[in-house]
Amino acid sequence: MFKSIWDDIKLAFHQGNMVIRLIFINVAVFVVLAIVKIGIRISMPGQREAHDAIEDFVHLFCLSDDWYTNLIHPWTIISHMFLHEGFFHIIMNMLFLYWFGRITGDLLGDRHILPLYLLGGLVGALAFFLSAMFLPQLGIGSFALGASAAVMAIVAAAGVTAPDYVLNLLLLGPVRLKYIVIVLIILDIVGIGAVSNTGGHFAHLGGIFMGYIYVNQIRNNGTDLSIPVNGTLERISSFFTNIFNSKKKPTVAYKRPNAARHASRKGSARTDNTKAMGSHQEQLDKILDKIKEKGYESLSQEEKEFLFNASKE
């Protein structure tokens, strides 16, 4: 039975989009942390000792407000954005990631989700660290953890890309996406004056800022921040793959006859592909502009199908 469940999880992970994969990773980290906590509680003689040991373990993966602690624990710059302690904390973050991640993935493409998540988490971490350094009187807190800033970057990206996209909210009915983002920003600004989680609210605003900058760079400057991020991740993946893959496959070098003719045809094919890619991007930009001006529902069925197919690329 357990093998079948595990096989289903692996299948869903490999076949799902990046939003689903990020949710799987966050939930897996949450479950592993819960198991470690149980082990610590069982192994420790007293409740106070167990509590302190659990805190020390969790802090190994949290972002600190102390630069030296972060320097000797460099992995925390990434690990903190996948770490949750409370059930309500992870549930809310994963619901927001699912709802708004699907919208952003449909509008911008699935390849933008992970870069947005990571960049939002990094800028949120910077906002937390700077606020703790320069505004200690606000009681920022010593450690930061959670996917909130990363998720807020995706929420903001969805709002900037399609501000008039309508969501049907429970008890409220249809609400435009731009108003949801504005309310979230106001809640974080108000939350900065609260006693608890002040640093978290600064991190949320940092994530929102990153989501706005990300989409703005694509629209106004044609700068796609997903390219360097995905390129770096691919190089890291290749590096570790080469380390663990000790068996090298033999390579065979050969020349094809009429190489010059094939090269000429290949060059012509590349030119055609370049023109097709340019036309594809132009059509995608027109659809995104139409969504911005008139909303998602104004699209024709052909435009919706084109956008859906483009989100899979």
Protein backbone atom coordinates (compact mmCIF):
# COMPACT_ATOMS: atom_id res chain seq x y z
CA MET A 1 0.00 0.00 0.00
CA PHE A 2 2.72 2.47 1.01
CA LYS A 3 4.70 1.68 -2.14
CA SER A 4 1.64 2.46 -4.23
CA ILE A 5 1.13 5.78 -2.42
CA TRP A 6 4.80 6.67 -2.89
CA ASP A 7 4.57 5.81 -6.60
CA ASP A 8 1.50 8.05 -6.95
CA ILE A 9 3.34 10.93 -5.23
CA LYS A 10 6.38 10.56 -7.50
CA LEU A 11 4.15 10.46 -10.57
CA ALA A 12 2.24 13.57 -9.49
CA PHE A 13 5.53 15.37 -8.78
CA HIS A 14 7.11 14.58 -12.14
CA GLN A 15 3.96 15.23 -14.19
CA GLY A 16 2.83 18.33 -12.29
CA ASN A 17 3.77 21.91 -13.07
CA MET A 18 6.22 23.94 -10.98
CA VAL A 19 3.49 25.15 -8.62
CA ILE A 20 2.62 21.56 -7.72
CA ARG A 21 6.30 20.68 -7.29
CA LEU A 22 6.91 23.61 -4.96
CA ILE A 23 3.90 22.60 -2.87
CA PHE A 24 5.22 19.03 -2.67
CA ILE A 25 8.65 20.26 -1.56
CA ASN A 26 7.23 22.55 1.13
CA VAL A 27 4.92 19.85 2.48
CA ALA A 28 7.74 17.28 2.47
CA VAL A 29 9.99 19.62 4.47
CA PHE A 30 7.13 20.28 6.89
CA VAL A 31 6.55 16.54 7.44
CA VAL A 32 10.26 15.78 7.89
CA LEU A 33 10.56 18.61 10.42
CA ALA A 34 7.58 17.24 12.34
CA ILE A 35 9.17 13.77 12.46
CA VAL A 36 12.47 15.24 13.71
CA LYS A 37 10.60 17.12 16.43
CA ILE A 38 8.94 13.90 17.57
CA GLY A 39 12.32 12.18 17.70
CA ILE A 40 13.82 15.01 19.77
CA ARG A 41 10.91 14.97 22.22
CA ILE A 42 11.22 11.22 22.69
CA SER A 43 14.99 11.32 23.18
CA MET A 44 15.10 14.29 25.59
CA PRO A 45 14.47 13.71 29.31
CA GLY A 46 12.66 16.99 30.04
CA GLN A 47 10.14 19.14 28.24
CA ARG A 48 12.26 22.28 28.55
CA GLU A 49 15.34 20.54 27.17
CA ALA A 50 13.33 19.17 24.25
CA HIS A 51 11.92 22.62 23.47
CA ASP A 52 15.39 24.20 23.45
CA ALA A 53 16.81 21.40 21.30
CA ILE A 54 13.99 21.76 18.77
CA GLU A 55 14.52 25.53 18.59
CA ASP A 56 18.25 25.07 18.06
CA PHE A 57 17.62 22.57 15.27
CA VAL A 58 15.03 24.74 13.49
CA HIS A 59 17.28 27.80 13.72
CA LEU A 60 19.93 25.94 11.74
CA PHE A 61 17.71 26.44 8.68
CA CYS A 62 16.18 29.85 9.46
CA LEU A 63 17.45 33.21 8.29
CA SER A 64 19.02 35.15 11.14
CA ASP A 65 19.11 38.88 11.79
CA ASP A 66 22.81 38.45 12.56
CA TRP A 67 25.13 38.64 9.53
CA TYR A 68 27.78 36.35 11.07
CA THR A 69 25.23 33.61 11.77
CA ASN A 70 24.08 33.76 8.15
CA LEU A 71 27.70 33.76 6.98
CA ILE A 72 28.52 30.48 8.73
CA HIS A 73 25.12 29.00 7.73
CA PRO A 74 24.91 30.12 4.05
CA TRP A 75 22.25 27.55 3.13
CA THR A 76 19.69 29.44 5.23
CA ILE A 77 19.29 32.04 2.48
CA ILE A 78 17.40 29.32 0.56
CA SER A 79 16.27 26.86 3.23
CA HIS A 80 14.27 29.43 5.20
CA MET A 81 11.79 29.92 2.35
CA PHE A 82 10.80 26.23 2.42
CA LEU A 83 10.47 25.98 6.20
CA HIS A 84 7.20 26.15 8.14
CA GLU A 85 6.45 25.30 11.74
CA GLY A 86 2.73 25.81 12.24
CA PHE A 87 -0.02 23.98 10.33
CA PHE A 88 -1.97 27.18 9.67
CA HIS A 89 1.23 28.85 8.42
CA ILE A 90 1.92 26.27 5.72
CA ILE A 91 -1.74 25.83 4.74
CA MET A 92 -2.23 29.54 4.02
CA ASN A 93 1.04 29.84 2.10
CA MET A 94 0.35 26.75 -0.01
CA LEU A 95 -3.22 27.85 -0.79
CA PHE A 96 -1.99 31.25 -1.96
CA LEU A 97 0.78 29.56 -3.94
CA TYR A 98 -1.74 27.26 -5.63
CA TRP A 99 -4.36 29.91 -6.40
CA PHE A 100 -2.08 32.66 -7.66
CA GLY A 101 0.64 30.37 -8.99
CA ARG A 102 -1.81 28.87 -11.47
CA ILE A 103 -2.78 32.34 -12.69
CA THR A 104 0.83 33.48 -13.03
CA GLY A 105 1.81 30.22 -14.72
CA ASP A 106 -1.02 30.56 -17.25
CA LEU A 107 -0.22 34.18 -18.05
CA LEU A 108 3.60 34.21 -18.00
CA GLY A 109 4.49 30.55 -18.40
CA ASP A 110 5.50 27.78 -16.01
CA ARG A 111 9.22 28.55 -16.38
CA HIS A 112 8.70 31.84 -14.50
CA ILE A 113 7.30 30.28 -11.31
CA LEU A 114 10.50 29.00 -9.70
CA PRO A 115 12.55 32.15 -10.49
CA LEU A 116 9.75 34.30 -9.07
CA TYR A 117 9.57 32.14 -5.96
CA LEU A 118 13.33 32.24 -5.34
CA LEU A 119 13.81 35.93 -6.17
CA GLY A 120 10.80 36.89 -4.04
CA GLY A 121 12.18 34.87 -1.14
CA LEU A 122 15.63 36.45 -1.52
CA VAL A 123 14.34 40.03 -1.67
CA GLY A 124 12.02 39.28 1.25
CA ALA A 125 15.03 37.97 3.20
CA LEU A 126 16.92 41.17 2.38
CA ALA A 127 13.98 43.29 3.55
CA PHE A 128 13.84 41.33 6.83
CA PHE A 129 17.59 41.63 7.40
CA LEU A 130 17.75 45.38 6.65
CA SER A 131 14.71 46.13 8.80
CA ALA A 132 16.24 44.19 11.69
CA MET A 133 19.53 46.05 11.24
CA PHE A 134 18.21 49.60 10.91
CA LEU A 135 14.88 49.43 12.79
CA PRO A 136 15.60 47.32 15.89
CA GLN A 137 13.15 49.41 17.93
CA LEU A 138 10.28 47.78 16.03
CA GLY A 139 11.08 44.36 17.46
CA ILE A 140 11.67 42.68 14.11
CA GLY A 141 12.60 39.29 15.53
CA SER A 142 15.76 37.19 15.48
CA PHE A 143 14.86 34.62 12.81
CA ALA A 144 12.76 34.44 9.65
CA LEU A 145 11.22 31.37 8.04
CA GLY A 146 8.39 30.54 5.68
CA ALA A 147 7.45 30.85 2.02
CA SER A 148 5.35 33.99 2.52
CA ALA A 149 7.69 36.46 0.77
CA ALA A 150 8.25 34.04 -2.13
CA VAL A 151 4.51 33.46 -2.49
CA MET A 152 3.75 37.19 -2.30
CA ALA A 153 6.08 37.76 -5.25
CA ILE A 154 3.94 35.36 -7.28
CA VAL A 155 0.74 37.05 -6.04
CA ALA A 156 2.06 40.48 -7.05
CA ALA A 157 3.22 39.19 -10.44
CA ALA A 158 -0.29 37.87 -11.12
CA GLY A 159 -1.79 41.21 -10.09
CA VAL A 160 0.57 43.28 -12.26
CA THR A 161 0.16 40.98 -15.27
CA ALA A 162 -3.63 40.82 -15.19
CA PRO A 163 -4.99 43.43 -12.73
CA ASP A 164 -8.57 43.02 -13.97
CA TYR A 165 -8.55 39.22 -13.73
CA VAL A 166 -11.62 38.28 -11.67
CA LEU A 167 -11.53 35.80 -8.79
CA ASN A 168 -14.67 34.50 -7.11
CA LEU A 169 -13.98 34.75 -3.38
CA LEU A 170 -15.98 32.96 -0.72
CA LEU A 171 -18.56 35.31 0.87
CA LEU A 172 -17.37 38.24 -1.27
CA GLY A 173 -18.11 37.04 -4.79
CA PRO A 174 -16.21 38.31 -7.85
CA VAL A 175 -13.23 40.53 -7.00
CA ARG A 176 -10.60 41.90 -9.37
CA LEU A 177 -7.07 40.73 -8.74
CA LYS A 178 -5.65 44.24 -8.33
CA TYR A 179 -7.88 44.88 -5.33
CA ILE A 180 -6.76 41.66 -3.65
CA VAL A 181 -3.12 42.70 -4.03
CA ILE A 182 -3.84 46.20 -2.70
CA VAL A 183 -5.59 44.77 0.37
CA LEU A 184 -2.66 42.45 1.06
CA ILE A 185 -0.22 45.38 0.82
CA ILE A 186 -2.35 47.43 3.24
CA LEU A 187 -2.52 44.52 5.69
CA ASP A 188 1.26 44.20 5.69
CA ILE A 189 1.76 47.95 6.18
CA VAL A 190 -0.67 47.89 9.11
CA GLY A 191 1.01 44.73 10.40
CA ILE A 192 4.38 46.49 10.67
CA GLY A 193 2.96 48.42 13.61
CA ALA A 194 1.85 45.22 15.34
CA VAL A 195 3.82 43.59 18.12
CA SER A 196 4.30 40.19 16.45
CA ASN A 197 5.81 39.18 13.09
CA THR A 198 6.93 42.69 12.18
CA GLY A 199 9.90 41.28 10.28
CA GLY A 200 7.57 38.97 8.40
CA HIS A 201 5.52 41.90 7.13
CA PHE A 202 8.67 43.63 5.88
CA ALA A 203 9.59 40.40 4.09
CA HIS A 204 6.12 40.22 2.50
CA LEU A 205 6.49 43.75 1.15
CA GLY A 206 9.91 42.82 -0.21
CA GLY A 207 8.37 39.87 -2.04
CA ILE A 208 5.59 42.05 -3.46
CA PHE A 209 8.18 44.58 -4.65
CA MET A 210 10.13 41.81 -6.40
CA GLY A 211 6.99 40.52 -8.14
CA TYR A 212 6.26 44.02 -9.46
CA ILE A 213 9.85 44.54 -10.66
CA TYR A 214 9.93 41.11 -12.30
CA VAL A 215 6.90 41.71 -14.52
CA ASN A 216 7.82 45.36 -15.11
CA GLN A 217 11.25 44.33 -16.44
CA ILE A 218 9.64 41.95 -18.94
CA ARG A 219 7.12 44.50 -20.17
CA ASN A 220 9.14 47.70 -20.29
CA ASN A 221 12.72 46.56 -20.85
CA GLY A 222 12.28 43.11 -22.35
CA THR A 223 14.48 41.74 -19.54
CA ASP A 224 13.49 38.21 -18.58
CA LEU A 225 14.91 37.51 -15.13
CA SER A 226 13.93 33.86 -15.42
CA ILE A 227 16.72 33.27 -17.96
CA PRO A 228 19.71 33.83 -15.63
CA VAL A 229 17.95 32.12 -12.70
CA ASN A 230 16.95 29.02 -14.67
CA GLY A 231 20.38 28.98 -16.33
CA THR A 232 22.11 29.00 -12.94
CA LEU A 233 19.84 26.25 -11.62
CA GLU A 234 20.56 24.12 -14.69
CA ARG A 235 24.31 24.55 -14.22
CA ILE A 236 24.04 23.58 -10.55
CA SER A 237 21.94 20.54 -11.49
CA SER A 238 24.43 19.51 -14.17
CA PHE A 239 27.32 19.91 -11.73
CA PHE A 240 25.82 17.54 -9.17
CA THR A 241 24.64 15.15 -11.88
CA ASN A 242 28.19 14.88 -13.21
CA ILE A 243 29.54 14.28 -9.70
CA PHE A 244 27.18 11.41 -8.94
CA ASN A 245 27.21 9.98 -12.43
CA SER A 246 30.66 8.38 -12.49
CA LYS A 247 29.99 6.23 -15.55
CA LYS A 248 30.74 8.17 -18.69
CA LYS A 249 29.20 7.05 -21.92
CA PRO A 250 31.58 6.63 -24.88
CA THR A 251 31.19 9.21 -27.63
CA VAL A 252 31.52 8.57 -31.34
CA ALA A 253 32.59 11.32 -33.72
CA TYR A 254 31.61 11.10 -37.37
CA LYS A 255 31.12 13.32 -40.37
CA ARG A 256 28.04 13.33 -42.46
CA PRO A 257 28.38 13.50 -46.23
CA ASN A 258 27.50 16.76 -47.92
CA ALA A 259 28.16 18.62 -44.66
CA ALA A 260 28.10 22.02 -46.36
CA ARG A 261 24.68 21.38 -47.85
CA HIS A 262 23.30 20.22 -44.50
CA ALA A 263 24.78 23.26 -42.76
CA SER A 264 23.12 25.53 -45.31
CA ARG A 265 19.74 23.88 -44.78
CA LYS A 266 20.21 24.03 -41.01
CA GLY A 267 21.01 27.74 -41.18
CA SER A 268 17.86 28.33 -43.21
CA ALA A 269 15.82 26.33 -40.70
CA ARG A 270 17.25 28.37 -37.82
CA THR A 271 16.25 31.58 -39.58
CA ASP A 272 12.69 30.27 -39.99
CA ASN A 273 12.61 29.23 -36.33
CA THR A 274 13.82 32.66 -35.23
CA LYS A 275 11.07 34.36 -37.24
CA ALA A 276 8.48 31.96 -35.79
CA MET A 277 9.67 32.65 -32.23
CA GLY A 278 9.47 36.39 -32.84
CA SER A 279 5.93 36.08 -34.19
CA HIS A 280 4.96 33.85 -31.26
CA GLN A 281 6.28 36.39 -28.73
CA GLU A 282 4.52 39.26 -30.46
CA GLN A 283 1.21 37.44 -30.33
CA LEU A 284 1.77 36.59 -26.66
CA ASP A 285 2.54 40.24 -25.84
CA LYS A 286 -0.64 41.36 -27.59
CA ILE A 287 -2.72 38.89 -25.57
CA LEU A 288 -1.11 40.02 -22.29
CA ASP A 289 -1.77 43.66 -23.18
CA LYS A 290 -5.40 42.81 -23.95
CA ILE A 291 -5.75 41.10 -20.55
CA LYS A 292 -4.27 44.17 -18.86
CA GLU A 293 -6.69 46.53 -20.60
CA LYS A 294 -9.92 44.51 -20.77
CA GLY A 295 -9.45 41.48 -18.49
CA TYR A 296 -9.03 37.76 -19.10
CA GLU A 297 -12.68 37.22 -20.05
CA SER A 298 -12.29 39.49 -23.08
CA LEU A 299 -10.07 36.90 -24.80
CA SER A 300 -11.46 34.80 -27.62
CA GLN A 301 -11.38 31.01 -27.37
CA GLU A 302 -8.42 30.90 -29.79
CA GLU A 303 -6.50 33.43 -27.70
CA LYS A 304 -7.19 31.46 -24.51
CA GLU A 305 -5.96 28.27 -26.16
CA PHE A 306 -2.85 30.05 -27.42
CA LEU A 307 -2.16 31.39 -23.91
CA PHE A 308 -2.71 27.96 -22.38
CA ASN A 309 -0.29 26.34 -24.83
CA ALA A 310 2.27 29.11 -24.29
CA SER A 311 2.16 28.59 -20.51
CA LYS A 312 3.41 25.02 -21.03
CA GLU A 313 6.54 26.08 -22.90
